PDB file of N, CA and C in Angstrom:
ATOM      1  N   MET A   1      -6.569   7.570  11.449  1.00  0.00           N
ATOM      2  CA  MET A   1      -5.692   7.976  10.369  1.00  0.00           C
ATOM      3  C   MET A   1      -5.144   9.359  10.706  1.00  0.00           C
ATOM      4  N   SER A   2      -3.860   9.523  10.455  1.00  0.00           N
ATOM      5  CA  SER A   2      -3.238  10.802  10.775  1.00  0.00           C
ATOM      6  C   SER A   2      -3.692  11.882   9.791  1.00  0.00           C
ATOM      7  N   TYR A   3      -3.653  13.131  10.265  1.00  0.00           N
ATOM      8  CA  TYR A   3      -4.042  14.258   9.423  1.00  0.00           C
ATOM      9  C   TYR A   3      -3.139  14.339   8.202  1.00  0.00           C
ATOM     10  N   ARG A   4      -1.829  14.162   8.404  1.00  0.00           N
ATOM     11  CA  ARG A   4      -0.873  14.260   7.291  1.00  0.00           C
ATOM     12  C   ARG A   4      -1.170  13.206   6.213  1.00  0.00           C
ATOM     13  N   LEU A   5      -1.472  11.991   6.655  1.00  0.00           N
ATOM     14  CA  LEU A   5      -1.779  10.922   5.717  1.00  0.00           C
ATOM     15  C   LEU A   5      -3.057  11.231   4.946  1.00  0.00           C
ATOM     16  N   ALA A   6      -4.093  11.675   5.652  1.00  0.00           N
ATOM     17  CA  ALA A   6      -5.363  12.000   4.995  1.00  0.00           C
ATOM     18  C   ALA A   6      -5.190  13.140   4.002  1.00  0.00           C
ATOM     19  N   ALA A   7      -4.462  14.174   4.403  1.00  0.00           N
ATOM     20  CA  ALA A   7      -4.237  15.312   3.505  1.00  0.00           C
ATOM     21  C   ALA A   7      -3.447  14.891   2.280  1.00  0.00           C
ATOM     22  N   GLY A   8      -2.477  14.037   2.471  1.00  0.00           N
ATOM     23  CA  GLY A   8      -1.671  13.549   1.349  1.00  0.00           C
ATOM     24  C   GLY A   8      -2.493  12.751   0.361  1.00  0.00           C
ATOM     25  N   LEU A   9      -3.388  11.917   0.859  1.00  0.00           N
ATOM     26  CA  LEU A   9      -4.234  11.122  -0.033  1.00  0.00           C
ATOM     27  C   LEU A   9      -5.184  12.005  -0.836  1.00  0.00           C
ATOM     28  N   VAL A  10      -5.726  13.004  -0.189  1.00  0.00           N
ATOM     29  CA  VAL A  10      -6.617  13.932  -0.899  1.00  0.00           C
ATOM     30  C   VAL A  10      -5.853  14.657  -1.990  1.00  0.00           C
ATOM     31  N   MET A  11      -4.630  15.121  -1.671  1.00  0.00           N
ATOM     32  CA  MET A  11      -3.816  15.817  -2.676  1.00  0.00           C
ATOM     33  C   MET A  11      -3.456  14.889  -3.827  1.00  0.00           C
ATOM     34  N   MET A  12      -3.128  13.637  -3.506  1.00  0.00           N
ATOM     35  CA  MET A  12      -2.765  12.691  -4.552  1.00  0.00           C
ATOM     36  C   MET A  12      -3.959  12.420  -5.467  1.00  0.00           C
ATOM     37  N   ALA A  13      -5.118  12.216  -4.877  1.00  0.00           N
ATOM     38  CA  ALA A  13      -6.309  11.956  -5.673  1.00  0.00           C
ATOM     39  C   ALA A  13      -6.631  13.139  -6.580  1.00  0.00           C
ATOM     40  N   ALA A  14      -6.495  14.340  -6.048  1.00  0.00           N
ATOM     41  CA  ALA A  14      -6.771  15.536  -6.843  1.00  0.00           C
ATOM     42  C   ALA A  14      -5.749  15.706  -7.966  1.00  0.00           C
ATOM     43  N   ALA A  15      -4.491  15.465  -7.660  1.00  0.00           N
ATOM     44  CA  ALA A  15      -3.429  15.657  -8.650  1.00  0.00           C
ATOM     45  C   ALA A  15      -3.527  14.665  -9.800  1.00  0.00           C
ATOM     46  N   PHE A  16      -3.905  13.446  -9.480  1.00  0.00           N
ATOM     47  CA  PHE A  16      -3.920  12.408 -10.513  1.00  0.00           C
ATOM     48  C   PHE A  16      -5.321  12.047 -10.974  1.00  0.00           C
ATOM     49  N   GLY A  17      -6.327  12.650 -10.395  1.00  0.00           N
ATOM     50  CA  GLY A  17      -7.701  12.353 -10.794  1.00  0.00           C
ATOM     51  C   GLY A  17      -8.096  10.931 -10.462  1.00  0.00           C
ATOM     52  N   LEU A  18      -7.579  10.404  -9.354  1.00  0.00           N
ATOM     53  CA  LEU A  18      -7.834   9.015  -8.993  1.00  0.00           C
ATOM     54  C   LEU A  18      -8.751   8.943  -7.789  1.00  0.00           C
ATOM     55  N   SER A  19      -9.443   7.820  -7.665  1.00  0.00           N
ATOM     56  CA  SER A  19     -10.234   7.577  -6.471  1.00  0.00           C
ATOM     57  C   SER A  19     -10.233   6.091  -6.172  1.00  0.00           C
ATOM     58  N   GLY A  20     -10.580   5.734  -4.960  1.00  0.00           N
ATOM     59  CA  GLY A  20     -10.716   4.341  -4.570  1.00  0.00           C
ATOM     60  C   GLY A  20      -9.478   3.509  -4.827  1.00  0.00           C
ATOM     61  N   ALA A  21      -9.682   2.306  -5.362  1.00  0.00           N
ATOM     62  CA  ALA A  21      -8.588   1.367  -5.556  1.00  0.00           C
ATOM     63  C   ALA A  21      -7.567   1.868  -6.559  1.00  0.00           C
ATOM     64  N   ALA A  22      -7.966   2.746  -7.457  1.00  0.00           N
ATOM     65  CA  ALA A  22      -7.019   3.264  -8.445  1.00  0.00           C
ATOM     66  C   ALA A  22      -5.911   4.070  -7.797  1.00  0.00           C
ATOM     67  N   MET A  23      -6.119   4.512  -6.553  1.00  0.00           N
ATOM     68  CA  MET A  23      -5.099   5.283  -5.872  1.00  0.00           C
ATOM     69  C   MET A  23      -3.868   4.453  -5.566  1.00  0.00           C
ATOM     70  N   GLY A  24      -3.913   3.158  -5.794  1.00  0.00           N
ATOM     71  CA  GLY A  24      -2.780   2.291  -5.535  1.00  0.00           C
ATOM     72  C   GLY A  24      -1.582   2.593  -6.394  1.00  0.00           C
ATOM     73  N   GLY A  25      -1.725   3.225  -7.515  1.00  0.00           N
ATOM     74  CA  GLY A  25      -0.584   3.624  -8.314  1.00  0.00           C
ATOM     75  C   GLY A  25      -0.637   3.086  -9.725  1.00  0.00           C
ATOM     76  N   ALA A  26       0.209   3.669 -10.574  1.00  0.00           N
ATOM     77  CA  ALA A  26       0.226   3.335 -11.988  1.00  0.00           C
ATOM     78  C   ALA A  26       0.854   1.985 -12.276  1.00  0.00           C
ATOM     79  N   MET A  27       1.629   1.453 -11.344  1.00  0.00           N
ATOM     80  CA  MET A  27       2.310   0.189 -11.570  1.00  0.00           C
ATOM     81  C   MET A  27       1.372  -1.010 -11.481  1.00  0.00           C
ATOM     82  N   CYS A  28       0.127  -0.824 -11.223  1.00  0.00           N
ATOM     83  CA  CYS A  28      -0.790  -1.926 -10.955  1.00  0.00           C
ATOM     84  C   CYS A  28      -1.129  -2.776 -12.180  1.00  0.00           C
ATOM     85  N   ASN A  29      -0.482  -2.536 -13.281  1.00  0.00           N
ATOM     86  CA  ASN A  29      -0.678  -3.402 -14.440  1.00  0.00           C
ATOM     87  C   ASN A  29       0.054  -4.724 -14.265  1.00  0.00           C
ATOM     88  N   ASP A  30       1.056  -4.755 -13.381  1.00  0.00           N
ATOM     89  CA  ASP A  30       1.817  -5.963 -13.096  1.00  0.00           C
ATOM     90  C   ASP A  30       1.238  -6.647 -11.867  1.00  0.00           C
ATOM     91  N   THR A  31       1.780  -7.834 -11.533  1.00  0.00           N
ATOM     92  CA  THR A  31       1.366  -8.506 -10.309  1.00  0.00           C
ATOM     93  C   THR A  31       2.040  -7.841  -9.114  1.00  0.00           C
ATOM     94  N   ALA A  32       1.524  -8.089  -7.932  1.00  0.00           N
ATOM     95  CA  ALA A  32       2.125  -7.538  -6.714  1.00  0.00           C
ATOM     96  C   ALA A  32       3.569  -8.011  -6.584  1.00  0.00           C
ATOM     97  N   GLU A  33       3.824  -9.250  -6.943  1.00  0.00           N
ATOM     98  CA  GLU A  33       5.190  -9.782  -6.856  1.00  0.00           C
ATOM     99  C   GLU A  33       6.125  -9.036  -7.809  1.00  0.00           C
ATOM    100  N   GLN A  34       5.661  -8.775  -9.019  1.00  0.00           N
ATOM    101  CA  GLN A  34       6.471  -8.004  -9.980  1.00  0.00           C
ATOM    102  C   GLN A  34       6.681  -6.574  -9.487  1.00  0.00           C
ATOM    103  N   ASN A  35       5.627  -5.970  -8.925  1.00  0.00           N
ATOM    104  CA  ASN A  35       5.744  -4.617  -8.355  1.00  0.00           C
ATOM    105  C   ASN A  35       6.828  -4.586  -7.289  1.00  0.00           C
ATOM    106  N   ALA A  36       6.786  -5.569  -6.394  1.00  0.00           N
ATOM    107  CA  ALA A  36       7.749  -5.629  -5.292  1.00  0.00           C
ATOM    108  C   ALA A  36       9.173  -5.787  -5.810  1.00  0.00           C
ATOM    109  N   GLU A  37       9.357  -6.629  -6.804  1.00  0.00           N
ATOM    110  CA  GLU A  37      10.694  -6.844  -7.366  1.00  0.00           C
ATOM    111  C   GLU A  37      11.236  -5.564  -8.007  1.00  0.00           C
ATOM    112  N   ILE A  38      10.399  -4.860  -8.734  1.00  0.00           N
ATOM    113  CA  ILE A  38      10.813  -3.600  -9.377  1.00  0.00           C
ATOM    114  C   ILE A  38      11.209  -2.574  -8.314  1.00  0.00           C
ATOM    115  N   LEU A  39      10.375  -2.431  -7.292  1.00  0.00           N
ATOM    116  CA  LEU A  39      10.659  -1.474  -6.233  1.00  0.00           C
ATOM    117  C   LEU A  39      11.920  -1.856  -5.455  1.00  0.00           C
ATOM    118  N   ALA A  40      12.091  -3.148  -5.196  1.00  0.00           N
ATOM    119  CA  ALA A  40      13.262  -3.614  -4.440  1.00  0.00           C
ATOM    120  C   ALA A  40      14.557  -3.315  -5.198  1.00  0.00           C
ATOM    121  N   LYS A  41      14.537  -3.464  -6.505  1.00  0.00           N
ATOM    122  CA  LYS A  41      15.731  -3.184  -7.312  1.00  0.00           C
ATOM    123  C   LYS A  41      16.128  -1.719  -7.240  1.00  0.00           C
ATOM    124  N   GLY A  42      15.151  -0.845  -7.080  1.00  0.00           N
ATOM    125  CA  GLY A  42      15.429   0.585  -7.057  1.00  0.00           C
ATOM    126  C   GLY A  42      15.692   1.158  -5.673  1.00  0.00           C
ATOM    127  N   MET A  43      15.673   0.311  -4.649  1.00  0.00           N
ATOM    128  CA  MET A  43      15.848   0.811  -3.280  1.00  0.00           C
ATOM    129  C   MET A  43      17.261   1.325  -3.045  1.00  0.00           C
ATOM    130  N   THR A  44      17.344   2.517  -2.470  1.00  0.00           N
ATOM    131  CA  THR A  44      18.648   3.090  -2.109  1.00  0.00           C
ATOM    132  C   THR A  44      18.755   3.286  -0.599  1.00  0.00           C
ATOM    133  N   ALA A  45      17.668   3.088   0.120  1.00  0.00           N
ATOM    134  CA  ALA A  45      17.643   3.217   1.579  1.00  0.00           C
ATOM    135  C   ALA A  45      17.296   1.858   2.182  1.00  0.00           C
ATOM    136  N   GLU A  46      17.371   1.768   3.501  1.00  0.00           N
ATOM    137  CA  GLU A  46      17.060   0.503   4.176  1.00  0.00           C
ATOM    138  C   GLU A  46      15.587   0.135   4.075  1.00  0.00           C
ATOM    139  N   THR A  47      14.723   1.151   3.978  1.00  0.00           N
ATOM    140  CA  THR A  47      13.289   0.894   3.856  1.00  0.00           C
ATOM    141  C   THR A  47      12.708   1.757   2.739  1.00  0.00           C
ATOM    142  N   VAL A  48      11.545   1.349   2.278  1.00  0.00           N
ATOM    143  CA  VAL A  48      10.815   2.107   1.275  1.00  0.00           C
ATOM    144  C   VAL A  48       9.362   2.219   1.749  1.00  0.00           C
ATOM    145  N   ARG A  49       8.762   3.369   1.502  1.00  0.00           N
ATOM    146  CA  ARG A  49       7.361   3.589   1.884  1.00  0.00           C
ATOM    147  C   ARG A  49       6.492   3.320   0.663  1.00  0.00           C
ATOM    148  N   VAL A  50       5.522   2.425   0.834  1.00  0.00           N
ATOM    149  CA  VAL A  50       4.694   1.988  -0.285  1.00  0.00           C
ATOM    150  C   VAL A  50       3.210   2.086   0.038  1.00  0.00           C
ATOM    151  N   LEU A  51       2.414   2.158  -1.029  1.00  0.00           N
ATOM    152  CA  LEU A  51       0.961   2.023  -0.945  1.00  0.00           C
ATOM    153  C   LEU A  51       0.623   0.619  -1.424  1.00  0.00           C
ATOM    154  N   ILE A  52      -0.117  -0.086  -0.630  1.00  0.00           N
ATOM    155  CA  ILE A  52      -0.499  -1.457  -0.969  1.00  0.00           C
ATOM    156  C   ILE A  52      -2.004  -1.492  -1.185  1.00  0.00           C
ATOM    157  N   THR A  53      -2.408  -1.971  -2.355  1.00  0.00           N
ATOM    158  CA  THR A  53      -3.829  -2.138  -2.649  1.00  0.00           C
ATOM    159  C   THR A  53      -4.229  -3.547  -2.253  1.00  0.00           C
ATOM    160  N   VAL A  54      -5.206  -3.642  -1.372  1.00  0.00           N
ATOM    161  CA  VAL A  54      -5.671  -4.913  -0.840  1.00  0.00           C
ATOM    162  C   VAL A  54      -6.776  -5.463  -1.738  1.00  0.00           C
ATOM    163  N   LYS A  55      -6.730  -6.763  -1.991  1.00  0.00           N
ATOM    164  CA  LYS A  55      -7.803  -7.398  -2.766  1.00  0.00           C
ATOM    165  C   LYS A  55      -9.061  -7.458  -1.910  1.00  0.00           C
ATOM    166  N   VAL A  56     -10.140  -6.917  -2.456  1.00  0.00           N
ATOM    167  CA  VAL A  56     -11.444  -6.934  -1.798  1.00  0.00           C
ATOM    168  C   VAL A  56     -12.466  -7.264  -2.869  1.00  0.00           C
ATOM    169  N   GLU A  57     -13.458  -8.065  -2.497  1.00  0.00           N
ATOM    170  CA  GLU A  57     -14.497  -8.416  -3.458  1.00  0.00           C
ATOM    171  C   GLU A  57     -15.206  -7.165  -3.959  1.00  0.00           C
ATOM    172  N   GLN A  58     -15.504  -7.155  -5.257  1.00  0.00           N
ATOM    173  CA  GLN A  58     -16.204  -6.018  -5.834  1.00  0.00           C
ATOM    174  C   GLN A  58     -17.552  -5.850  -5.135  1.00  0.00           C
ATOM    175  N   GLY A  59     -17.868  -4.618  -4.772  1.00  0.00           N
ATOM    176  CA  GLY A  59     -19.127  -4.334  -4.099  1.00  0.00           C
ATOM    177  C   GLY A  59     -19.075  -4.532  -2.590  1.00  0.00           C
ATOM    178  N   ALA A  60     -17.891  -4.833  -2.052  1.00  0.00           N
ATOM    179  CA  ALA A  60     -17.776  -5.038  -0.609  1.00  0.00           C
ATOM    180  C   ALA A  60     -18.118  -3.739   0.131  1.00  0.00           C
ATOM    181  N   ASP A  61     -18.744  -3.880   1.291  1.00  0.00           N
ATOM    182  CA  ASP A  61     -19.091  -2.695   2.076  1.00  0.00           C
ATOM    183  C   ASP A  61     -17.852  -2.156   2.801  1.00  0.00           C
ATOM    184  N   ARG A  62     -18.002  -0.976   3.393  1.00  0.00           N
ATOM    185  CA  ARG A  62     -16.861  -0.323   4.040  1.00  0.00           C
ATOM    186  C   ARG A  62     -16.285  -1.171   5.173  1.00  0.00           C
ATOM    187  N   ALA A  63     -17.144  -1.796   5.952  1.00  0.00           N
ATOM    188  CA  ALA A  63     -16.663  -2.601   7.082  1.00  0.00           C
ATOM    189  C   ALA A  63     -15.785  -3.747   6.597  1.00  0.00           C
ATOM    190  N   THR A  64     -16.195  -4.404   5.532  1.00  0.00           N
ATOM    191  CA  THR A  64     -15.410  -5.499   4.969  1.00  0.00           C
ATOM    192  C   THR A  64     -14.083  -4.982   4.432  1.00  0.00           C
ATOM    193  N   THR A  65     -14.140  -3.876   3.700  1.00  0.00           N
ATOM    194  CA  THR A  65     -12.920  -3.268   3.160  1.00  0.00           C
ATOM    195  C   THR A  65     -11.967  -2.892   4.286  1.00  0.00           C
ATOM    196  N   ASP A  66     -12.493  -2.230   5.319  1.00  0.00           N
ATOM    197  CA  ASP A  66     -11.667  -1.836   6.460  1.00  0.00           C
ATOM    198  C   ASP A  66     -11.069  -3.052   7.164  1.00  0.00           C
ATOM    199  N   ASN A  67     -11.872  -4.107   7.338  1.00  0.00           N
ATOM    200  CA  ASN A  67     -11.384  -5.315   8.008  1.00  0.00           C
ATOM    201  C   ASN A  67     -10.244  -5.966   7.230  1.00  0.00           C
ATOM    202  N   HIS A  68     -10.380  -6.063   5.915  1.00  0.00           N
ATOM    203  CA  HIS A  68      -9.318  -6.671   5.089  1.00  0.00           C
ATOM    204  C   HIS A  68      -8.042  -5.833   5.150  1.00  0.00           C
ATOM    205  N   ALA A  69      -8.190  -4.519   5.020  1.00  0.00           N
ATOM    206  CA  ALA A  69      -7.022  -3.637   5.036  1.00  0.00           C
ATOM    207  C   ALA A  69      -6.344  -3.661   6.410  1.00  0.00           C
ATOM    208  N   GLN A  70      -7.123  -3.621   7.481  1.00  0.00           N
ATOM    209  CA  GLN A  70      -6.537  -3.639   8.823  1.00  0.00           C
ATOM    210  C   GLN A  70      -5.859  -4.975   9.113  1.00  0.00           C
ATOM    211  N   ALA A  71      -6.462  -6.069   8.652  1.00  0.00           N
ATOM    212  CA  ALA A  71      -5.846  -7.388   8.850  1.00  0.00           C
ATOM    213  C   ALA A  71      -4.488  -7.459   8.159  1.00  0.00           C
ATOM    214  N   LEU A  72      -4.403  -6.894   6.962  1.00  0.00           N
ATOM    215  CA  LEU A  72      -3.120  -6.892   6.255  1.00  0.00           C
ATOM    216  C   LEU A  72      -2.115  -6.008   6.984  1.00  0.00           C
ATOM    217  N   ALA A  73      -2.535  -4.825   7.429  1.00  0.00           N
ATOM    218  CA  ALA A  73      -1.630  -3.927   8.165  1.00  0.00           C
ATOM    219  C   ALA A  73      -1.117  -4.621   9.432  1.00  0.00           C
ATOM    220  N   ASP A  74      -1.996  -5.292  10.146  1.00  0.00           N
ATOM    221  CA  ASP A  74      -1.598  -6.013  11.358  1.00  0.00           C
ATOM    222  C   ASP A  74      -0.608  -7.125  11.037  1.00  0.00           C
ATOM    223  N   SER A  75      -0.872  -7.837   9.956  1.00  0.00           N
ATOM    224  CA  SER A  75       0.008  -8.926   9.535  1.00  0.00           C
ATOM    225  C   SER A  75       1.397  -8.412   9.160  1.00  0.00           C
ATOM    226  N   LEU A  76       1.447  -7.293   8.426  1.00  0.00           N
ATOM    227  CA  LEU A  76       2.737  -6.702   8.044  1.00  0.00           C
ATOM    228  C   LEU A  76       3.517  -6.247   9.275  1.00  0.00           C
ATOM    229  N   THR A  77       2.809  -5.648  10.226  1.00  0.00           N
ATOM    230  CA  THR A  77       3.452  -5.193  11.459  1.00  0.00           C
ATOM    231  C   THR A  77       4.002  -6.386  12.235  1.00  0.00           C
ATOM    232  N   LYS A  78       3.203  -7.428  12.358  1.00  0.00           N
ATOM    233  CA  LYS A  78       3.633  -8.637  13.064  1.00  0.00           C
ATOM    234  C   LYS A  78       4.843  -9.287  12.386  1.00  0.00           C
ATOM    235  N   ALA A  79       4.909  -9.164  11.057  1.00  0.00           N
ATOM    236  CA  ALA A  79       6.022  -9.753  10.293  1.00  0.00           C
ATOM    237  C   ALA A  79       7.273  -8.884  10.332  1.00  0.00           C
ATOM    238  N   GLY A  80       7.184  -7.700  10.957  1.00  0.00           N
ATOM    239  CA  GLY A  80       8.368  -6.873  11.112  1.00  0.00           C
ATOM    240  C   GLY A  80       8.436  -5.613  10.278  1.00  0.00           C
ATOM    241  N   ALA A  81       7.316  -5.191   9.690  1.00  0.00           N
ATOM    242  CA  ALA A  81       7.308  -3.928   8.943  1.00  0.00           C
ATOM    243  C   ALA A  81       7.637  -2.786   9.890  1.00  0.00           C
ATOM    244  N   ALA A  82       8.415  -1.821   9.410  1.00  0.00           N
ATOM    245  CA  ALA A  82       8.740  -0.654  10.223  1.00  0.00           C
ATOM    246  C   ALA A  82       7.476   0.137  10.558  1.00  0.00           C
ATOM    247  N   HIS A  83       6.491   0.110   9.651  1.00  0.00           N
ATOM    248  CA  HIS A  83       5.225   0.813   9.836  1.00  0.00           C
ATOM    249  C   HIS A  83       4.209   0.215   8.871  1.00  0.00           C
ATOM    250  N   ALA A  84       2.984   0.087   9.302  1.00  0.00           N
ATOM    251  CA  ALA A  84       1.886  -0.336   8.429  1.00  0.00           C
ATOM    252  C   ALA A  84       0.592   0.213   9.005  1.00  0.00           C
ATOM    253  N   GLU A  85      -0.160   0.940   8.167  1.00  0.00           N
ATOM    254  CA  GLU A  85      -1.393   1.590   8.614  1.00  0.00           C
ATOM    255  C   GLU A  85      -2.436   1.485   7.514  1.00  0.00           C
ATOM    256  N   SER A  86      -3.627   0.995   7.891  1.00  0.00           N
ATOM    257  CA  SER A  86      -4.711   0.934   6.913  1.00  0.00           C
ATOM    258  C   SER A  86      -5.308   2.323   6.759  1.00  0.00           C
ATOM    259  N   ILE A  87      -5.939   2.551   5.615  1.00  0.00           N
ATOM    260  CA  ILE A  87      -6.574   3.833   5.324  1.00  0.00           C
ATOM    261  C   ILE A  87      -8.076   3.587   5.310  1.00  0.00           C
ATOM    262  N   GLY A  88      -8.768   4.146   6.285  1.00  0.00           N
ATOM    263  CA  GLY A  88     -10.192   3.907   6.463  1.00  0.00           C
ATOM    264  C   GLY A  88     -11.020   4.147   5.214  1.00  0.00           C
ATOM    265  N   GLY A  89     -11.858   3.172   4.892  1.00  0.00           N
ATOM    266  CA  GLY A  89     -12.769   3.301   3.768  1.00  0.00           C
ATOM    267  C   GLY A  89     -12.161   2.995   2.411  1.00  0.00           C
ATOM    268  N   GLN A  90     -10.871   2.732   2.383  1.00  0.00           N
ATOM    269  CA  GLN A  90     -10.185   2.427   1.123  1.00  0.00           C
ATOM    270  C   GLN A  90      -9.478   1.078   1.257  1.00  0.00           C
ATOM    271  N   PRO A  91      -9.349   0.348   0.171  1.00  0.00           N
ATOM    272  CA  PRO A  91      -8.626  -0.924   0.238  1.00  0.00           C
ATOM    273  C   PRO A  91      -7.112  -0.684   0.147  1.00  0.00           C
ATOM    274  N   LEU A  92      -6.608   0.194   1.010  1.00  0.00           N
ATOM    275  CA  LEU A  92      -5.211   0.602   0.949  1.00  0.00           C
ATOM    276  C   LEU A  92      -4.531   0.496   2.307  1.00  0.00           C
ATOM    277  N   VAL A  93      -3.234   0.171   2.248  1.00  0.00           N
ATOM    278  CA  VAL A  93      -2.373   0.165   3.423  1.00  0.00           C
ATOM    279  C   VAL A  93      -1.119   0.937   3.038  1.00  0.00           C
ATOM    280  N   VAL A  94      -0.695   1.848   3.916  1.00  0.00           N
ATOM    281  CA  VAL A  94       0.580   2.540   3.747  1.00  0.00           C
ATOM    282  C   VAL A  94       1.561   1.789   4.629  1.00  0.00           C
ATOM    283  N   ALA A  95       2.697   1.385   4.056  1.00  0.00           N
ATOM    284  CA  ALA A  95       3.665   0.612   4.829  1.00  0.00           C
ATOM    285  C   ALA A  95       5.085   1.057   4.526  1.00  0.00           C
ATOM    286  N   GLU A  96       5.918   0.922   5.524  1.00  0.00           N
ATOM    287  CA  GLU A  96       7.345   1.162   5.359  1.00  0.00           C
ATOM    288  C   GLU A  96       8.024  -0.189   5.548  1.00  0.00           C
ATOM    289  N   LEU A  97       8.635  -0.677   4.467  1.00  0.00           N
ATOM    290  CA  LEU A  97       9.158  -2.041   4.445  1.00  0.00           C
ATOM    291  C   LEU A  97      10.630  -2.090   4.068  1.00  0.00           C
ATOM    292  N   SER A  98      11.340  -3.032   4.667  1.00  0.00           N
ATOM    293  CA  SER A  98      12.704  -3.322   4.238  1.00  0.00           C
ATOM    294  C   SER A  98      12.626  -4.130   2.941  1.00  0.00           C
ATOM    295  N   ARG A  99      13.759  -4.321   2.307  1.00  0.00           N
ATOM    296  CA  ARG A  99      13.786  -5.048   1.025  1.00  0.00           C
ATOM    297  C   ARG A  99      13.185  -6.453   1.167  1.00  0.00           C
ATOM    298  N   ASP A 100      13.606  -7.186   2.189  1.00  0.00           N
ATOM    299  CA  ASP A 100      13.103  -8.556   2.347  1.00  0.00           C
ATOM    300  C   ASP A 100      11.617  -8.590   2.682  1.00  0.00           C
ATOM    301  N   LYS A 101      11.146  -7.630   3.485  1.00  0.00           N
ATOM    302  CA  LYS A 101       9.710  -7.565   3.814  1.00  0.00           C
ATOM    303  C   LYS A 101       8.890  -7.154   2.591  1.00  0.00           C
ATOM    304  N   LEU A 102       9.446  -6.291   1.755  1.00  0.00           N
ATOM    305  CA  LEU A 102       8.790  -5.880   0.512  1.00  0.00           C
ATOM    306  C   LEU A 102       8.615  -7.078  -0.418  1.00  0.00           C
ATOM    307  N   LEU A 103       9.689  -7.852  -0.596  1.00  0.00           N
ATOM    308  CA  LEU A 103       9.617  -9.023  -1.470  1.00  0.00           C
ATOM    309  C   LEU A 103       8.650 -10.071  -0.913  1.00  0.00           C
ATOM    310  N   ALA A 104       8.621 -10.233   0.402  1.00  0.00           N
ATOM    311  CA  ALA A 104       7.677 -11.170   1.014  1.00  0.00           C
ATOM    312  C   ALA A 104       6.239 -10.695   0.819  1.00  0.00           C
ATOM    313  N   ALA A 105       6.013  -9.395   0.966  1.00  0.00           N
ATOM    314  CA  ALA A 105       4.665  -8.847   0.774  1.00  0.00           C
ATOM    315  C   ALA A 105       4.172  -9.086  -0.651  1.00  0.00           C
ATOM    316  N   GLY A 106       5.077  -9.019  -1.613  1.00  0.00           N
ATOM    317  CA  GLY A 106       4.700  -9.247  -3.007  1.00  0.00           C
ATOM    318  C   GLY A 106       4.124 -10.627  -3.257  1.00  0.00           C
ATOM    319  N   LYS A 107       4.426 -11.562  -2.377  1.00  0.00           N
ATOM    320  CA  LYS A 107       3.934 -12.943  -2.526  1.00  0.00           C
ATOM    321  C   LYS A 107       2.639 -13.192  -1.758  1.00  0.00           C
ATOM    322  N   ASP A 108       2.172 -12.188  -1.039  1.00  0.00           N
ATOM    323  CA  ASP A 108       0.955 -12.320  -0.238  1.00  0.00           C
ATOM    324  C   ASP A 108      -0.265 -12.284  -1.153  1.00  0.00           C
ATOM    325  N   ALA A 109      -1.063 -13.315  -1.106  1.00  0.00           N
ATOM    326  CA  ALA A 109      -2.235 -13.443  -1.989  1.00  0.00           C
ATOM    327  C   ALA A 109      -3.298 -12.380  -1.725  1.00  0.00           C
ATOM    328  N   ARG A 110      -3.237 -11.701  -0.579  1.00  0.00           N
ATOM    329  CA  ARG A 110      -4.229 -10.664  -0.256  1.00  0.00           C
ATOM    330  C   ARG A 110      -3.925  -9.338  -0.933  1.00  0.00           C
ATOM    331  N   ILE A 111      -2.748  -9.230  -1.557  1.00  0.00           N
ATOM    332  CA  ILE A 111      -2.302  -7.956  -2.115  1.00  0.00           C
ATOM    333  C   ILE A 111      -2.489  -7.939  -3.634  1.00  0.00           C
ATOM    334  N   ALA A 112      -3.173  -6.894  -4.114  1.00  0.00           N
ATOM    335  CA  ALA A 112      -3.393  -6.727  -5.555  1.00  0.00           C
ATOM    336  C   ALA A 112      -2.248  -5.953  -6.196  1.00  0.00           C
ATOM    337  N   CYS A 113      -1.705  -4.965  -5.475  1.00  0.00           N
ATOM    338  CA  CYS A 113      -0.699  -4.090  -6.058  1.00  0.00           C
ATOM    339  C   CYS A 113       0.145  -3.445  -4.966  1.00  0.00           C
ATOM    340  N   ILE A 114       1.406  -3.204  -5.302  1.00  0.00           N
ATOM    341  CA  ILE A 114       2.305  -2.454  -4.426  1.00  0.00           C
ATOM    342  C   ILE A 114       2.928  -1.361  -5.276  1.00  0.00           C
ATOM    343  N   SER A 115       2.820  -0.120  -4.826  1.00  0.00           N
ATOM    344  CA  SER A 115       3.419   0.978  -5.559  1.00  0.00           C
ATOM    345  C   SER A 115       4.122   1.933  -4.602  1.00  0.00           C
ATOM    346  N   LEU A 116       5.036   2.688  -5.124  1.00  0.00           N
ATOM    347  CA  LEU A 116       5.796   3.654  -4.334  1.00  0.00           C
ATOM    348  C   LEU A 116       4.866   4.732  -3.813  1.00  0.00           C
ATOM    349  N   ASP A 117       5.008   5.098  -2.559  1.00  0.00           N
ATOM    350  CA  ASP A 117       4.247   6.212  -1.994  1.00  0.00           C
ATOM    351  C   ASP A 117       4.906   7.501  -2.476  1.00  0.00           C
ATOM    352  N   GLN A 118       4.362   8.099  -3.484  1.00  0.00           N
ATOM    353  CA  GLN A 118       4.948   9.284  -4.109  1.00  0.00           C
ATOM    354  C   GLN A 118       4.935  10.514  -3.207  1.00  0.00           C
ATOM    355  N   LEU A 119       4.129  10.506  -2.156  1.00  0.00           N
ATOM    356  CA  LEU A 119       4.012  11.661  -1.276  1.00  0.00           C
ATOM    357  C   LEU A 119       5.001  11.638  -0.126  1.00  0.00           C
ATOM    358  N   SER A 120       5.670  10.531   0.056  1.00  0.00           N
ATOM    359  CA  SER A 120       6.553  10.386   1.207  1.00  0.00           C
ATOM    360  C   SER A 120       7.890  11.062   0.983  1.00  0.00           C
ATOM    361  N   PRO A 121       8.338  11.904   1.926  1.00  0.00           N
ATOM    362  CA  PRO A 121       9.649  12.533   1.798  1.00  0.00           C
ATOM    363  C   PRO A 121      10.768  11.519   1.971  1.00  0.00           C
ATOM    364  N   ALA A 122      10.470  10.341   2.516  1.00  0.00           N
ATOM    365  CA  ALA A 122      11.495   9.324   2.741  1.00  0.00           C
ATOM    366  C   ALA A 122      11.923   8.646   1.446  1.00  0.00           C
ATOM    367  N   ASN A 123      11.156   8.781   0.362  1.00  0.00           N
ATOM    368  CA  ASN A 123      11.492   8.091  -0.884  1.00  0.00           C
ATOM    369  C   ASN A 123      12.353   8.950  -1.735  1.00  0.00           C
TER     370      ASN A 123
END
């Protein structure tokens, strides 16, 4: 994990008082598909940087969480994401997606939530 990404996550957690899966964002009251549709409608650039919360069984150990998150990041990259990186120890993936890749990700059963990466200067 890059230093910038780690520092950003720490700042976000401190600013919002969030930890773990809650770091996925406030939009997580909707389905991942609804999240993706909302974000896609608001896109003004070719890509958007998002935080994706990966579905992991409650009580899963770090290795399982890391494996699920990395598998999703690999899958997004293989599907053509501009960038996808898992965040060690958290059920999170940071990804940069085009509109069509964002909408496709919203339909992925492994994803619990998609929210805008508020720390990214690209948004």
